[in-house]
Amino acid sequence: MTAHEPAHDGTAPDTGPAAPDTGVPVTRATADDQPRYEPPPSVGKLFFWVLLFVLAAVVVVAGGVYFT
């Protein structure tokens, strides 16, 4: 009998105390008990964010030069 099978008398197996509900979602572990993570962003999306921050920096510098 494994931990997921019901006992022969029809009662559920004792799995121990329940974990407290913290509101944080639990991720399932892989077969070797390593947590799963989100995949890294694609190169295009990463390039977009870098370009956006560089553009914002140029706007800030140009605005500082213009208003002084």
C-alpha atoms as a PDB file:
ATOM      1  CA  MET A   1       0.000   0.000   0.000  1.00  0.00           C
ATOM      2  CA  THR A   2       1.345   3.453  -0.915  1.00  0.00           C
ATOM      3  CA  ALA A   3       0.610   6.740   0.842  1.00  0.00           C
ATOM      4  CA  HIS A   4      -1.958   7.662  -1.823  1.00  0.00           C
ATOM      5  CA  GLU A   5      -4.031   4.477  -1.548  1.00  0.00           C
ATOM      6  CA  PRO A   6      -6.823   4.206   1.019  1.00  0.00           C
ATOM      7  CA  ALA A   7      -6.375   1.668   3.792  1.00  0.00           C
ATOM      8  CA  HIS A   8      -8.049  -1.726   3.405  1.00  0.00           C
ATOM      9  CA  ASP A   9     -10.656  -0.893   6.044  1.00  0.00           C
ATOM     10  CA  GLY A  10     -11.862   2.117   4.001  1.00  0.00           C
ATOM     11  CA  THR A  11     -10.280   4.813   6.151  1.00  0.00           C
ATOM     12  CA  ALA A  12      -7.812   7.309   4.790  1.00  0.00           C
ATOM     13  CA  PRO A  13      -4.147   6.833   5.673  1.00  0.00           C
ATOM     14  CA  ASP A  14      -2.677   9.096   8.331  1.00  0.00           C
ATOM     15  CA  THR A  15      -0.618  11.696   6.476  1.00  0.00           C
ATOM     16  CA  GLY A  16       0.329  13.709   9.553  1.00  0.00           C
ATOM     17  CA  PRO A  17      -0.713  17.221  10.570  1.00  0.00           C
ATOM     18  CA  ALA A  18      -1.929  19.562   7.863  1.00  0.00           C
ATOM     19  CA  ALA A  19       0.250  22.492   6.878  1.00  0.00           C
ATOM     20  CA  PRO A  20      -1.064  25.901   7.950  1.00  0.00           C
ATOM     21  CA  ASP A  21      -2.725  27.977   5.240  1.00  0.00           C
ATOM     22  CA  THR A  22      -0.371  30.894   4.671  1.00  0.00           C
ATOM     23  CA  GLY A  23      -1.969  32.100   1.448  1.00  0.00           C
ATOM     24  CA  VAL A  24       1.263  31.508  -0.462  1.00  0.00           C
ATOM     25  CA  PRO A  25       0.838  29.155  -3.426  1.00  0.00           C
ATOM     26  CA  VAL A  26       2.860  25.980  -3.174  1.00  0.00           C
ATOM     27  CA  THR A  27       4.816  24.873  -6.221  1.00  0.00           C
ATOM     28  CA  ARG A  28       5.133  21.186  -6.902  1.00  0.00           C
ATOM     29  CA  ALA A  29       8.599  19.722  -6.817  1.00  0.00           C
ATOM     30  CA  THR A  30      10.017  17.714  -9.682  1.00  0.00           C
ATOM     31  CA  ALA A  31      10.955  14.058  -9.361  1.00  0.00           C
ATOM     32  CA  ASP A  32      14.309  14.949  -7.817  1.00  0.00           C
ATOM     33  CA  ASP A  33      12.637  17.382  -5.347  1.00  0.00           C
ATOM     34  CA  GLN A  34      13.932  20.509  -7.064  1.00  0.00           C
ATOM     35  CA  PRO A  35      11.467  23.431  -7.163  1.00  0.00           C
ATOM     36  CA  ARG A  36      10.218  24.618 -10.527  1.00  0.00           C
ATOM     37  CA  TYR A  37      10.853  28.193 -11.624  1.00  0.00           C
ATOM     38  CA  GLU A  38       9.475  30.379 -14.385  1.00  0.00           C
ATOM     39  CA  PRO A  39      11.413  30.185 -17.634  1.00  0.00           C
ATOM     40  CA  PRO A  40      13.711  33.136 -18.341  1.00  0.00           C
ATOM     41  CA  PRO A  41      12.343  35.908 -20.563  1.00  0.00           C
ATOM     42  CA  SER A  42      12.906  35.600 -24.275  1.00  0.00           C
ATOM     43  CA  VAL A  43      15.705  37.598 -25.886  1.00  0.00           C
ATOM     44  CA  GLY A  44      13.211  39.906 -27.617  1.00  0.00           C
ATOM     45  CA  LYS A  45      11.364  40.717 -24.404  1.00  0.00           C
ATOM     46  CA  LEU A  46      14.637  41.299 -22.545  1.00  0.00           C
ATOM     47  CA  PHE A  47      15.862  43.582 -25.347  1.00  0.00           C
ATOM     48  CA  PHE A  48      12.581  45.530 -25.194  1.00  0.00           C
ATOM     49  CA  TRP A  49      12.958  46.206 -21.449  1.00  0.00           C
ATOM     50  CA  VAL A  50      16.612  47.251 -21.827  1.00  0.00           C
ATOM     51  CA  LEU A  51      15.674  49.562 -24.701  1.00  0.00           C
ATOM     52  CA  LEU A  52      12.812  51.038 -22.677  1.00  0.00           C
ATOM     53  CA  PHE A  53      15.073  51.858 -19.710  1.00  0.00           C
ATOM     54  CA  VAL A  54      17.771  53.316 -21.987  1.00  0.00           C
ATOM     55  CA  LEU A  55      15.146  55.475 -23.703  1.00  0.00           C
ATOM     56  CA  ALA A  56      13.837  56.641 -20.309  1.00  0.00           C
ATOM     57  CA  ALA A  57      17.382  57.543 -19.236  1.00  0.00           C
ATOM     58  CA  VAL A  58      17.952  59.529 -22.447  1.00  0.00           C
ATOM     59  CA  VAL A  59      14.679  61.401 -21.912  1.00  0.00           C
ATOM     60  CA  VAL A  60      15.652  62.270 -18.327  1.00  0.00           C
ATOM     61  CA  VAL A  61      19.109  63.497 -19.366  1.00  0.00           C
ATOM     62  CA  ALA A  62      17.760  65.455 -22.356  1.00  0.00           C
ATOM     63  CA  GLY A  63      15.068  67.026 -20.181  1.00  0.00           C
ATOM     64  CA  GLY A  64      17.664  68.020 -17.588  1.00  0.00           C
ATOM     65  CA  VAL A  65      19.845  69.636 -20.263  1.00  0.00           C
ATOM     66  CA  TYR A  66      16.876  71.430 -21.850  1.00  0.00           C
ATOM     67  CA  PHE A  67      15.471  72.845 -18.593  1.00  0.00           C
ATOM     68  CA  THR A  68      18.832  74.150 -17.279  1.00  0.00           C
END
